[in-house]
Full PDB file with SEQRES, HELIX, SHEET, SSBOND, CRYST1, ORIGX, SCALE, CONECT and MASTER records, all heavy atoms in Angstrom:
SEQRES   1 A   46  LEU ALA ALA ALA MET GLY PHE GLY GLY GLY LEU VAL ARG          
SEQRES   2 A   46  ASP VAL LEU LEU GLY ASN LEU PRO PRO ALA ALA PHE ARG          
SEQRES   3 A   46  ASP PRO SER TYR LEU ILE THR ALA ALA VAL ALA THR LEU          
SEQRES   4 A   46  VAL ALA GLY VAL ALA LEU VAL                                  
HELIX    1 AA1 ALA A    2  LEU A   17  1                                  16    
HELIX    2 AA2 ALA A   23  ARG A   26  1                                   4    
HELIX    3 AA3 PRO A   28  VAL A   43  1                                  16    
CRYST1    1.000    1.000    1.000  90.00  90.00  90.00 P 1           1          
ORIGX1      1.000000  0.000000  0.000000        0.00000                         
ORIGX2      0.000000  1.000000  0.000000        0.00000                         
ORIGX3      0.000000  0.000000  1.000000        0.00000                         
SCALE1      1.000000  0.000000  0.000000        0.00000                         
SCALE2      0.000000  1.000000  0.000000        0.00000                         
SCALE3      0.000000  0.000000  1.000000        0.00000                         
ATOM      1  N   LEU A   1       0.837  -1.206   0.000  1.00  0.00           N  
ATOM      2  CA  LEU A   1       0.000   0.000   0.000  1.00  0.00           C  
ATOM      3  C   LEU A   1       0.871   1.255   0.000  1.00  0.00           C  
ATOM      4  O   LEU A   1       0.530   2.255  -0.650  1.00  0.00           O  
ATOM      5  CB  LEU A   1      -0.922  -0.004   1.213  1.00  0.00           C  
ATOM      6  CG  LEU A   1      -2.128   0.930   1.139  1.00  0.00           C  
ATOM      7  CD1 LEU A   1      -3.006   0.572  -0.053  1.00  0.00           C  
ATOM      8  CD2 LEU A   1      -2.929   0.855   2.417  1.00  0.00           C  
ATOM      9  N   ALA A   2       2.001   1.198   0.715  1.00  0.00           N  
ATOM     10  CA  ALA A   2       2.916   2.340   0.709  1.00  0.00           C  
ATOM     11  C   ALA A   2       3.479   2.572  -0.690  1.00  0.00           C  
ATOM     12  O   ALA A   2       3.578   3.711  -1.163  1.00  0.00           O  
ATOM     13  CB  ALA A   2       4.050   2.100   1.701  1.00  0.00           C  
ATOM     14  N   ALA A   3       3.851   1.486  -1.383  1.00  0.00           N  
ATOM     15  CA  ALA A   3       4.366   1.621  -2.748  1.00  0.00           C  
ATOM     16  C   ALA A   3       3.289   2.146  -3.685  1.00  0.00           C  
ATOM     17  O   ALA A   3       3.569   2.949  -4.587  1.00  0.00           O  
ATOM     18  CB  ALA A   3       4.886   0.268  -3.240  1.00  0.00           C  
ATOM     19  N   ALA A   4       2.045   1.704  -3.489  1.00  0.00           N  
ATOM     20  CA  ALA A   4       0.947   2.179  -4.339  1.00  0.00           C  
ATOM     21  C   ALA A   4       0.748   3.681  -4.186  1.00  0.00           C  
ATOM     22  O   ALA A   4       0.573   4.406  -5.181  1.00  0.00           O  
ATOM     23  CB  ALA A   4      -0.339   1.430  -3.989  1.00  0.00           C  
ATOM     24  N   MET A   5       0.775   4.155  -2.945  1.00  0.00           N  
ATOM     25  CA  MET A   5       0.611   5.591  -2.712  1.00  0.00           C  
ATOM     26  C   MET A   5       1.842   6.369  -3.152  1.00  0.00           C  
ATOM     27  O   MET A   5       1.736   7.518  -3.606  1.00  0.00           O  
ATOM     28  CB  MET A   5       0.336   5.850  -1.230  1.00  0.00           C  
ATOM     29  CG  MET A   5      -1.011   5.345  -0.733  1.00  0.00           C  
ATOM     30  SD  MET A   5      -2.399   6.335  -1.304  1.00  0.00           S  
ATOM     31  CE  MET A   5      -2.174   7.829  -0.358  1.00  0.00           C  
ATOM     32  N   GLY A   6       3.015   5.755  -3.023  1.00  0.00           N  
ATOM     33  CA  GLY A   6       4.233   6.457  -3.393  1.00  0.00           C  
ATOM     34  C   GLY A   6       4.504   6.467  -4.886  1.00  0.00           C  
ATOM     35  O   GLY A   6       5.007   7.455  -5.422  1.00  0.00           O  
ATOM     36  N   PHE A   7       4.176   5.348  -5.579  1.00  0.00           N  
ATOM     37  CA  PHE A   7       4.474   5.233  -7.002  1.00  0.00           C  
ATOM     38  C   PHE A   7       3.276   5.508  -7.899  1.00  0.00           C  
ATOM     39  O   PHE A   7       3.450   5.704  -9.107  1.00  0.00           O  
ATOM     40  CB  PHE A   7       4.981   3.823  -7.330  1.00  0.00           C  
ATOM     41  CG  PHE A   7       6.213   3.419  -6.575  1.00  0.00           C  
ATOM     42  CD1 PHE A   7       6.481   2.088  -6.339  1.00  0.00           C  
ATOM     43  CD2 PHE A   7       7.098   4.371  -6.083  1.00  0.00           C  
ATOM     44  CE1 PHE A   7       7.614   1.699  -5.647  1.00  0.00           C  
ATOM     45  CE2 PHE A   7       8.227   4.001  -5.386  1.00  0.00           C  
ATOM     46  CZ  PHE A   7       8.480   2.659  -5.165  1.00  0.00           C  
ATOM     47  N   GLY A   8       2.069   5.463  -7.325  1.00  0.00           N  
ATOM     48  CA  GLY A   8       0.871   5.529  -8.158  1.00  0.00           C  
ATOM     49  C   GLY A   8       0.830   6.741  -9.066  1.00  0.00           C  
ATOM     50  O   GLY A   8       0.559   6.634 -10.269  1.00  0.00           O  
ATOM     51  N   GLY A   9       1.119   7.902  -8.499  1.00  0.00           N  
ATOM     52  CA  GLY A   9       1.097   9.116  -9.306  1.00  0.00           C  
ATOM     53  C   GLY A   9       2.133   9.085 -10.403  1.00  0.00           C  
ATOM     54  O   GLY A   9       1.868   9.475 -11.546  1.00  0.00           O  
ATOM     55  N   GLY A  10       3.348   8.598 -10.084  1.00  0.00           N  
ATOM     56  CA  GLY A  10       4.398   8.513 -11.087  1.00  0.00           C  
ATOM     57  C   GLY A  10       4.080   7.496 -12.167  1.00  0.00           C  
ATOM     58  O   GLY A  10       4.399   7.708 -13.349  1.00  0.00           O  
ATOM     59  N   LEU A  11       3.453   6.376 -11.790  1.00  0.00           N  
ATOM     60  CA  LEU A  11       3.074   5.369 -12.781  1.00  0.00           C  
ATOM     61  C   LEU A  11       2.056   5.935 -13.771  1.00  0.00           C  
ATOM     62  O   LEU A  11       2.176   5.741 -14.986  1.00  0.00           O  
ATOM     63  CB  LEU A  11       2.505   4.130 -12.077  1.00  0.00           C  
ATOM     64  CG  LEU A  11       3.491   3.304 -11.254  1.00  0.00           C  
ATOM     65  CD1 LEU A  11       2.767   2.177 -10.540  1.00  0.00           C  
ATOM     66  CD2 LEU A  11       4.596   2.740 -12.137  1.00  0.00           C  
ATOM     67  N   VAL A  12       1.049   6.625 -13.242  1.00  0.00           N  
ATOM     68  CA  VAL A  12       0.045   7.231 -14.119  1.00  0.00           C  
ATOM     69  C   VAL A  12       0.684   8.248 -15.048  1.00  0.00           C  
ATOM     70  O   VAL A  12       0.411   8.288 -16.262  1.00  0.00           O  
ATOM     71  CB  VAL A  12      -1.065   7.891 -13.268  1.00  0.00           C  
ATOM     72  CG1 VAL A  12      -1.999   8.716 -14.140  1.00  0.00           C  
ATOM     73  CG2 VAL A  12      -1.853   6.828 -12.516  1.00  0.00           C  
ATOM     74  N   ARG A  13       1.568   9.069 -14.494  1.00  0.00           N  
ATOM     75  CA  ARG A  13       2.250  10.087 -15.303  1.00  0.00           C  
ATOM     76  C   ARG A  13       3.064   9.447 -16.420  1.00  0.00           C  
ATOM     77  O   ARG A  13       2.968   9.851 -17.589  1.00  0.00           O  
ATOM     78  CB  ARG A  13       3.155  10.899 -14.382  1.00  0.00           C  
ATOM     79  CG  ARG A  13       4.063  11.898 -15.088  1.00  0.00           C  
ATOM     80  CD  ARG A  13       5.231  12.245 -14.182  1.00  0.00           C  
ATOM     81  NE  ARG A  13       6.088  11.085 -13.936  1.00  0.00           N  
ATOM     82  CZ  ARG A  13       6.875  10.955 -12.878  1.00  0.00           C  
ATOM     83  NH1 ARG A  13       6.911  11.896 -11.955  1.00  0.00           N  
ATOM     84  NH2 ARG A  13       7.635   9.875 -12.735  1.00  0.00           N  
ATOM     85  N   ASP A  14       3.870   8.427 -16.085  1.00  0.00           N  
ATOM     86  CA  ASP A  14       4.750   7.823 -17.086  1.00  0.00           C  
ATOM     87  C   ASP A  14       3.971   7.063 -18.146  1.00  0.00           C  
ATOM     88  O   ASP A  14       4.360   7.053 -19.319  1.00  0.00           O  
ATOM     89  CB  ASP A  14       5.753   6.888 -16.395  1.00  0.00           C  
ATOM     90  CG  ASP A  14       6.775   7.652 -15.564  1.00  0.00           C  
ATOM     91  OD1 ASP A  14       6.950   8.861 -15.817  1.00  0.00           O  
ATOM     92  OD2 ASP A  14       7.381   7.048 -14.663  1.00  0.00           O  
ATOM     93  N   VAL A  15       2.872   6.406 -17.747  1.00  0.00           N  
ATOM     94  CA  VAL A  15       2.057   5.697 -18.738  1.00  0.00           C  
ATOM     95  C   VAL A  15       1.415   6.678 -19.706  1.00  0.00           C  
ATOM     96  O   VAL A  15       1.395   6.461 -20.927  1.00  0.00           O  
ATOM     97  CB  VAL A  15       0.992   4.839 -18.028  1.00  0.00           C  
ATOM     98  CG1 VAL A  15      -0.032   4.317 -19.022  1.00  0.00           C  
ATOM     99  CG2 VAL A  15       1.645   3.674 -17.296  1.00  0.00           C  
ATOM    100  N   LEU A  16       0.884   7.779 -19.198  1.00  0.00           N  
ATOM    101  CA  LEU A  16       0.246   8.767 -20.065  1.00  0.00           C  
ATOM    102  C   LEU A  16       1.240   9.435 -21.009  1.00  0.00           C  
ATOM    103  O   LEU A  16       0.903   9.796 -22.137  1.00  0.00           O  
ATOM    104  CB  LEU A  16      -0.461   9.837 -19.221  1.00  0.00           C  
ATOM    105  CG  LEU A  16      -1.688   9.373 -18.453  1.00  0.00           C  
ATOM    106  CD1 LEU A  16      -2.223  10.506 -17.578  1.00  0.00           C  
ATOM    107  CD2 LEU A  16      -2.779   8.889 -19.398  1.00  0.00           C  
ATOM    108  N   LEU A  17       2.487   9.581 -20.557  1.00  0.00           N  
ATOM    109  CA  LEU A  17       3.511  10.222 -21.381  1.00  0.00           C  
ATOM    110  C   LEU A  17       4.296   9.228 -22.232  1.00  0.00           C  
ATOM    111  O   LEU A  17       5.153   9.631 -23.015  1.00  0.00           O  
ATOM    112  CB  LEU A  17       4.482  11.005 -20.489  1.00  0.00           C  
ATOM    113  CG  LEU A  17       3.909  12.219 -19.763  1.00  0.00           C  
ATOM    114  CD1 LEU A  17       4.952  12.824 -18.827  1.00  0.00           C  
ATOM    115  CD2 LEU A  17       3.432  13.270 -20.762  1.00  0.00           C  
ATOM    116  N   GLY A  18       4.008   7.931 -22.067  1.00  0.00           N  
ATOM    117  CA  GLY A  18       4.751   6.921 -22.820  1.00  0.00           C  
ATOM    118  C   GLY A  18       6.181   6.765 -22.347  1.00  0.00           C  
ATOM    119  O   GLY A  18       7.042   6.295 -23.100  1.00  0.00           O  
ATOM    120  N   ASN A  19       6.449   7.125 -21.111  1.00  0.00           N  
ATOM    121  CA  ASN A  19       7.792   7.036 -20.538  1.00  0.00           C  
ATOM    122  C   ASN A  19       7.946   5.671 -19.877  1.00  0.00           C  
ATOM    123  O   ASN A  19       7.789   5.523 -18.662  1.00  0.00           O  
ATOM    124  CB  ASN A  19       8.001   8.164 -19.522  1.00  0.00           C  
ATOM    125  CG  ASN A  19       9.405   8.177 -18.963  1.00  0.00           C  
ATOM    126  OD1 ASN A  19      10.339   7.664 -19.577  1.00  0.00           O  
ATOM    127  ND2 ASN A  19       9.568   8.759 -17.785  1.00  0.00           N  
ATOM    128  N   LEU A  20       8.231   4.651 -20.683  1.00  0.00           N  
ATOM    129  CA  LEU A  20       8.258   3.268 -20.206  1.00  0.00           C  
ATOM    130  C   LEU A  20       9.653   2.671 -20.387  1.00  0.00           C  
ATOM    131  O   LEU A  20      10.346   2.977 -21.370  1.00  0.00           O  
ATOM    132  CB  LEU A  20       7.223   2.443 -20.979  1.00  0.00           C  
ATOM    133  CG  LEU A  20       5.769   2.927 -20.857  1.00  0.00           C  
ATOM    134  CD1 LEU A  20       4.875   2.113 -21.777  1.00  0.00           C  
ATOM    135  CD2 LEU A  20       5.298   2.849 -19.419  1.00  0.00           C  
ATOM    136  N   PRO A  21      10.069   1.789 -19.458  1.00  0.00           N  
ATOM    137  CA  PRO A  21       9.384   1.477 -18.199  1.00  0.00           C  
ATOM    138  C   PRO A  21       9.354   2.682 -17.262  1.00  0.00           C  
ATOM    139  O   PRO A  21      10.210   3.567 -17.382  1.00  0.00           O  
ATOM    140  CB  PRO A  21      10.213   0.343 -17.610  1.00  0.00           C  
ATOM    141  CG  PRO A  21      11.567   0.498 -18.222  1.00  0.00           C  
ATOM    142  CD  PRO A  21      11.347   1.058 -19.584  1.00  0.00           C  
ATOM    143  N   PRO A  22       8.398   2.730 -16.340  1.00  0.00           N  
ATOM    144  CA  PRO A  22       8.276   3.897 -15.458  1.00  0.00           C  
ATOM    145  C   PRO A  22       9.552   4.151 -14.657  1.00  0.00           C  
ATOM    146  O   PRO A  22      10.341   3.244 -14.400  1.00  0.00           O  
ATOM    147  CB  PRO A  22       7.106   3.514 -14.538  1.00  0.00           C  
ATOM    148  CG  PRO A  22       6.320   2.524 -15.320  1.00  0.00           C  
ATOM    149  CD  PRO A  22       7.329   1.748 -16.113  1.00  0.00           C  
ATOM    150  N   ALA A  23       9.722   5.412 -14.267  1.00  0.00           N  
ATOM    151  CA  ALA A  23      10.932   5.816 -13.540  1.00  0.00           C  
ATOM    152  C   ALA A  23      11.090   5.057 -12.233  1.00  0.00           C  
ATOM    153  O   ALA A  23      12.217   4.803 -11.793  1.00  0.00           O  
ATOM    154  CB  ALA A  23      10.893   7.323 -13.272  1.00  0.00           C  
ATOM    155  N   ALA A  24       9.967   4.677 -11.600  1.00  0.00           N  
ATOM    156  CA  ALA A  24      10.040   3.970 -10.323  1.00  0.00           C  
ATOM    157  C   ALA A  24      10.717   2.617 -10.461  1.00  0.00           C  
ATOM    158  O   ALA A  24      11.249   2.084  -9.470  1.00  0.00           O  
ATOM    159  CB  ALA A  24       8.632   3.785  -9.756  1.00  0.00           C  
ATOM    160  N   PHE A  25      10.723   2.029 -11.679  1.00  0.00           N  
ATOM    161  CA  PHE A  25      11.346   0.728 -11.895  1.00  0.00           C  
ATOM    162  C   PHE A  25      12.716   0.840 -12.559  1.00  0.00           C  
ATOM    163  O   PHE A  25      13.424  -0.160 -12.696  1.00  0.00           O  
ATOM    164  CB  PHE A  25      10.435  -0.150 -12.758  1.00  0.00           C  
ATOM    165  CG  PHE A  25       9.080  -0.372 -12.157  1.00  0.00           C  
ATOM    166  CD1 PHE A  25       7.940  -0.320 -12.934  1.00  0.00           C  
ATOM    167  CD2 PHE A  25       8.944  -0.630 -10.805  1.00  0.00           C  
ATOM    168  CE1 PHE A  25       6.677  -0.524 -12.376  1.00  0.00           C  
ATOM    169  CE2 PHE A  25       7.695  -0.836 -10.236  1.00  0.00           C  
ATOM    170  CZ  PHE A  25       6.556  -0.787 -11.026  1.00  0.00           C  
ATOM    171  N   ARG A  26      13.106   2.033 -12.967  1.00  0.00           N  
ATOM    172  CA  ARG A  26      14.423   2.223 -13.571  1.00  0.00           C  
ATOM    173  C   ARG A  26      15.473   2.649 -12.549  1.00  0.00           C  
ATOM    174  O   ARG A  26      16.657   2.381 -12.717  1.00  0.00           O  
ATOM    175  CB  ARG A  26      14.352   3.278 -14.681  1.00  0.00           C  
ATOM    176  CG  ARG A  26      13.522   2.878 -15.870  1.00  0.00           C  
ATOM    177  CD  ARG A  26      13.868   3.751 -17.074  1.00  0.00           C  
ATOM    178  NE  ARG A  26      13.775   5.178 -16.775  1.00  0.00           N  
ATOM    179  CZ  ARG A  26      12.689   5.909 -17.005  1.00  0.00           C  
ATOM    180  NH1 ARG A  26      11.595   5.337 -17.496  1.00  0.00           N  
ATOM    181  NH2 ARG A  26      12.671   7.196 -16.718  1.00  0.00           N  
ATOM    182  N   ASP A  27      15.025   3.322 -11.499  1.00  0.00           N  
ATOM    183  CA  ASP A  27      15.957   3.845 -10.499  1.00  0.00           C  
ATOM    184  C   ASP A  27      15.649   3.189  -9.153  1.00  0.00           C  
ATOM    185  O   ASP A  27      14.542   3.345  -8.616  1.00  0.00           O  
ATOM    186  CB  ASP A  27      15.800   5.364 -10.394  1.00  0.00           C  
ATOM    187  CG  ASP A  27      16.900   6.002  -9.569  1.00  0.00           C  
ATOM    188  OD1 ASP A  27      17.539   5.288  -8.775  1.00  0.00           O  
ATOM    189  OD2 ASP A  27      17.106   7.217  -9.708  1.00  0.00           O  
ATOM    190  N   PRO A  28      16.576   2.433  -8.571  1.00  0.00           N  
ATOM    191  CA  PRO A  28      16.309   1.747  -7.296  1.00  0.00           C  
ATOM    192  C   PRO A  28      16.070   2.694  -6.125  1.00  0.00           C  
ATOM    193  O   PRO A  28      15.554   2.274  -5.085  1.00  0.00           O  
ATOM    194  CB  PRO A  28      17.573   0.906  -7.070  1.00  0.00           C  
ATOM    195  CG  PRO A  28      18.634   1.573  -7.880  1.00  0.00           C  
ATOM    196  CD  PRO A  28      17.937   2.152  -9.066  1.00  0.00           C  
ATOM    197  N   SER A  29      16.446   3.963  -6.267  1.00  0.00           N  
ATOM    198  CA  SER A  29      16.258   4.894  -5.161  1.00  0.00           C  
ATOM    199  C   SER A  29      14.785   5.085  -4.822  1.00  0.00           C  
ATOM    200  O   SER A  29      14.437   5.387  -3.674  1.00  0.00           O  
ATOM    201  CB  SER A  29      16.903   6.245  -5.490  1.00  0.00           C  
ATOM    202  OG  SER A  29      16.349   6.793  -6.675  1.00  0.00           O  
ATOM    203  N   TYR A  30      13.895   4.892  -5.789  1.00  0.00           N  
ATOM    204  CA  TYR A  30      12.460   5.011  -5.518  1.00  0.00           C  
ATOM    205  C   TYR A  30      11.999   3.900  -4.572  1.00  0.00           C  
ATOM    206  O   TYR A  30      11.263   4.160  -3.604  1.00  0.00           O  
ATOM    207  CB  TYR A  30      11.671   4.944  -6.834  1.00  0.00           C  
ATOM    208  CG  TYR A  30      11.775   6.189  -7.680  1.00  0.00           C  
ATOM    209  CD1 TYR A  30      12.801   6.336  -8.605  1.00  0.00           C  
ATOM    210  CD2 TYR A  30      10.851   7.216  -7.561  1.00  0.00           C  
ATOM    211  CE1 TYR A  30      12.906   7.472  -9.384  1.00  0.00           C  
ATOM    212  CE2 TYR A  30      10.943   8.362  -8.341  1.00  0.00           C  
ATOM    213  CZ  TYR A  30      11.977   8.483  -9.251  1.00  0.00           C  
ATOM    214  OH  TYR A  30      12.076   9.619 -10.015  1.00  0.00           O  
ATOM    215  N   LEU A  31      12.415   2.661  -4.855  1.00  0.00           N  
ATOM    216  CA  LEU A  31      12.038   1.545  -3.986  1.00  0.00           C  
ATOM    217  C   LEU A  31      12.647   1.693  -2.599  1.00  0.00           C  
ATOM    218  O   LEU A  31      11.999   1.410  -1.589  1.00  0.00           O  
ATOM    219  CB  LEU A  31      12.486   0.225  -4.617  1.00  0.00           C  
ATOM    220  CG  LEU A  31      11.665  -0.272  -5.807  1.00  0.00           C  
ATOM    221  CD1 LEU A  31      12.341  -1.464  -6.458  1.00  0.00           C  
ATOM    222  CD2 LEU A  31      10.250  -0.629  -5.369  1.00  0.00           C  
ATOM    223  N   ILE A  32      13.897   2.153  -2.545  1.00  0.00           N  
ATOM    224  CA  ILE A  32      14.548   2.351  -1.250  1.00  0.00           C  
ATOM    225  C   ILE A  32      13.808   3.417  -0.447  1.00  0.00           C  
ATOM    226  O   ILE A  32      13.595   3.277   0.766  1.00  0.00           O  
ATOM    227  CB  ILE A  32      16.025   2.736  -1.454  1.00  0.00           C  
ATOM    228  CG1 ILE A  32      16.785   1.583  -2.102  1.00  0.00           C  
ATOM    229  CG2 ILE A  32      16.669   3.132  -0.138  1.00  0.00           C  
ATOM    230  CD1 ILE A  32      18.215   1.916  -2.475  1.00  0.00           C  
ATOM    231  N   THR A  33      13.406   4.493  -1.109  1.00  0.00           N  
ATOM    232  CA  THR A  33      12.671   5.569  -0.433  1.00  0.00           C  
ATOM    233  C   THR A  33      11.350   5.065   0.124  1.00  0.00           C  
ATOM    234  O   THR A  33      10.977   5.373   1.265  1.00  0.00           O  
ATOM    235  CB  THR A  33      12.414   6.729  -1.406  1.00  0.00           C  
ATOM    236  OG1 THR A  33      13.666   7.213  -1.887  1.00  0.00           O  
ATOM    237  CG2 THR A  33      11.656   7.856  -0.725  1.00  0.00           C  
ATOM    238  N   ALA A  34      10.627   4.258  -0.663  1.00  0.00           N  
ATOM    239  CA  ALA A  34       9.353   3.707  -0.191  1.00  0.00           C  
ATOM    240  C   ALA A  34       9.568   2.767   0.988  1.00  0.00           C  
ATOM    241  O   ALA A  34       8.768   2.758   1.947  1.00  0.00           O  
ATOM    242  CB  ALA A  34       8.649   2.980  -1.336  1.00  0.00           C  
ATOM    243  N   ALA A  35      10.662   1.980   0.950  1.00  0.00           N  
ATOM    244  CA  ALA A  35      10.942   1.064   2.056  1.00  0.00           C  
ATOM    245  C   ALA A  35      11.260   1.828   3.339  1.00  0.00           C  
ATOM    246  O   ALA A  35      10.792   1.470   4.433  1.00  0.00           O  
ATOM    247  CB  ALA A  35      12.101   0.138   1.677  1.00  0.00           C  
ATOM    248  N   VAL A  36      12.046   2.885   3.223  1.00  0.00           N  
ATOM    249  CA  VAL A  36      12.379   3.691   4.404  1.00  0.00           C  
ATOM    250  C   VAL A  36      11.122   4.343   4.973  1.00  0.00           C  
ATOM    251  O   VAL A  36      10.919   4.372   6.200  1.00  0.00           O  
ATOM    252  CB  VAL A  36      13.427   4.762   4.037  1.00  0.00           C  
ATOM    253  CG1 VAL A  36      13.620   5.740   5.187  1.00  0.00           C  
ATOM    254  CG2 VAL A  36      14.744   4.102   3.675  1.00  0.00           C  
ATOM    255  N   ALA A  37      10.259   4.861   4.101  1.00  0.00           N  
ATOM    256  CA  ALA A  37       9.011   5.473   4.572  1.00  0.00           C  
ATOM    257  C   ALA A  37       8.138   4.450   5.281  1.00  0.00           C  
ATOM    258  O   ALA A  37       7.488   4.765   6.291  1.00  0.00           O  
ATOM    259  CB  ALA A  37       8.265   6.089   3.395  1.00  0.00           C  
ATOM    260  N   THR A  38       8.130   3.207   4.782  1.00  0.00           N  
ATOM    261  CA  THR A  38       7.343   2.156   5.428  1.00  0.00           C  
ATOM    262  C   THR A  38       7.855   1.873   6.829  1.00  0.00           C  
ATOM    263  O   THR A  38       7.065   1.716   7.778  1.00  0.00           O  
ATOM    264  CB  THR A  38       7.379   0.878   4.581  1.00  0.00           C  
ATOM    265  OG1 THR A  38       6.921   1.157   3.260  1.00  0.00           O  
ATOM    266  CG2 THR A  38       6.499  -0.199   5.194  1.00  0.00           C  
ATOM    267  N   LEU A  39       9.173   1.808   6.990  1.00  0.00           N  
ATOM    268  CA  LEU A  39       9.747   1.553   8.309  1.00  0.00           C  
ATOM    269  C   LEU A  39       9.460   2.706   9.268  1.00  0.00           C  
ATOM    270  O   LEU A  39       9.093   2.491  10.429  1.00  0.00           O  
ATOM    271  CB  LEU A  39      11.254   1.326   8.186  1.00  0.00           C  
ATOM    272  CG  LEU A  39      11.689   0.057   7.441  1.00  0.00           C  
ATOM    273  CD1 LEU A  39      13.202   0.012   7.310  1.00  0.00           C  
ATOM    274  CD2 LEU A  39      11.170  -1.182   8.162  1.00  0.00           C  
ATOM    275  N   VAL A  40       9.626   3.940   8.778  1.00  0.00           N  
ATOM    276  CA  VAL A  40       9.389   5.106   9.637  1.00  0.00           C  
ATOM    277  C   VAL A  40       7.942   5.163  10.082  1.00  0.00           C  
ATOM    278  O   VAL A  40       7.631   5.341  11.275  1.00  0.00           O  
ATOM    279  CB  VAL A  40       9.788   6.399   8.896  1.00  0.00           C  
ATOM    280  CG1 VAL A  40       9.352   7.629   9.686  1.00  0.00           C  
ATOM    281  CG2 VAL A  40      11.286   6.428   8.654  1.00  0.00           C  
ATOM    282  N   ALA A  41       7.029   5.011   9.132  1.00  0.00           N  
ATOM    283  CA  ALA A  41       5.612   5.082   9.477  1.00  0.00           C  
ATOM    284  C   ALA A  41       5.170   3.872  10.282  1.00  0.00           C  
ATOM    285  O   ALA A  41       4.260   3.970  11.109  1.00  0.00           O  
ATOM    286  CB  ALA A  41       4.773   5.196   8.203  1.00  0.00           C  
ATOM    287  N   GLY A  42       5.820   2.704  10.052  1.00  0.00           N  
ATOM    288  CA  GLY A  42       5.470   1.518  10.842  1.00  0.00           C  
ATOM    289  C   GLY A  42       5.747   1.719  12.316  1.00  0.00           C  
ATOM    290  O   GLY A  42       4.989   1.264  13.181  1.00  0.00           O  
ATOM    291  N   VAL A  43       6.822   2.403  12.631  1.00  0.00           N  
ATOM    292  CA  VAL A  43       7.117   2.714  14.029  1.00  0.00           C  
ATOM    293  C   VAL A  43       6.101   3.701  14.586  1.00  0.00           C  
ATOM    294  O   VAL A  43       5.712   3.631  15.764  1.00  0.00           O  
ATOM    295  CB  VAL A  43       8.549   3.281  14.148  1.00  0.00           C  
ATOM    296  CG1 VAL A  43       8.828   3.731  15.572  1.00  0.00           C  
ATOM    297  CG2 VAL A  43       9.567   2.236  13.708  1.00  0.00           C  
ATOM    298  N   ALA A  44       5.630   4.617  13.742  1.00  0.00           N  
ATOM    299  CA  ALA A  44       4.703   5.656  14.187  1.00  0.00           C  
ATOM    300  C   ALA A  44       3.268   5.163  14.288  1.00  0.00           C  
ATOM    301  O   ALA A  44       2.390   5.929  14.702  1.00  0.00           O  
ATOM    302  CB  ALA A  44       4.756   6.853  13.236  1.00  0.00           C  
ATOM    303  N   LEU A  45       3.008   3.899  13.929  1.00  0.00           N  
ATOM    304  CA  LEU A  45       1.627   3.403  13.984  1.00  0.00           C  
ATOM    305  C   LEU A  45       1.073   3.406  15.406  1.00  0.00           C  
ATOM    306  O   LEU A  45      -0.127   3.522  15.608  1.00  0.00           O  
ATOM    307  CB  LEU A  45       1.552   1.985  13.401  1.00  0.00           C  
ATOM    308  CG  LEU A  45       1.643   1.870  11.888  1.00  0.00           C  
ATOM    309  CD1 LEU A  45       1.620   0.415  11.462  1.00  0.00           C  
ATOM    310  CD2 LEU A  45       0.506   2.633  11.239  1.00  0.00           C  
ATOM    311  N   VAL A  46       1.968   3.249  16.385  1.00  0.00           N  
ATOM    312  CA  VAL A  46       1.520   3.277  17.781  1.00  0.00           C  
ATOM    313  C   VAL A  46       0.879   4.616  18.114  1.00  0.00           C  
ATOM    314  O   VAL A  46      -0.045   4.705  18.916  1.00  0.00           O  
ATOM    315  CB  VAL A  46       2.708   2.990  18.713  1.00  0.00           C  
ATOM    316  CG1 VAL A  46       2.263   3.025  20.172  1.00  0.00           C  
ATOM    317  CG2 VAL A  46       3.334   1.651  18.369  1.00  0.00           C  
TER     318      VAL A  46                                                      
MASTER        0    0    0    3    0    0    0    6  317    1    0    4          
END                                                                             
C-alpha cells in the first residue's frame, strides 16, 4: 500500500507520457525511499 501511494502518481504520469518502463522501476532509489518510509511510518503506527 505504501508503494501504491508512493508510485501511483508517477506510474500514471509515465504511462500517459509513454515514458516506459516507469521511472520507479528504472531507479532503485524510488524503492529504497518507499521502504524507508514504510519503516518510519510503521514505528509511528503506535
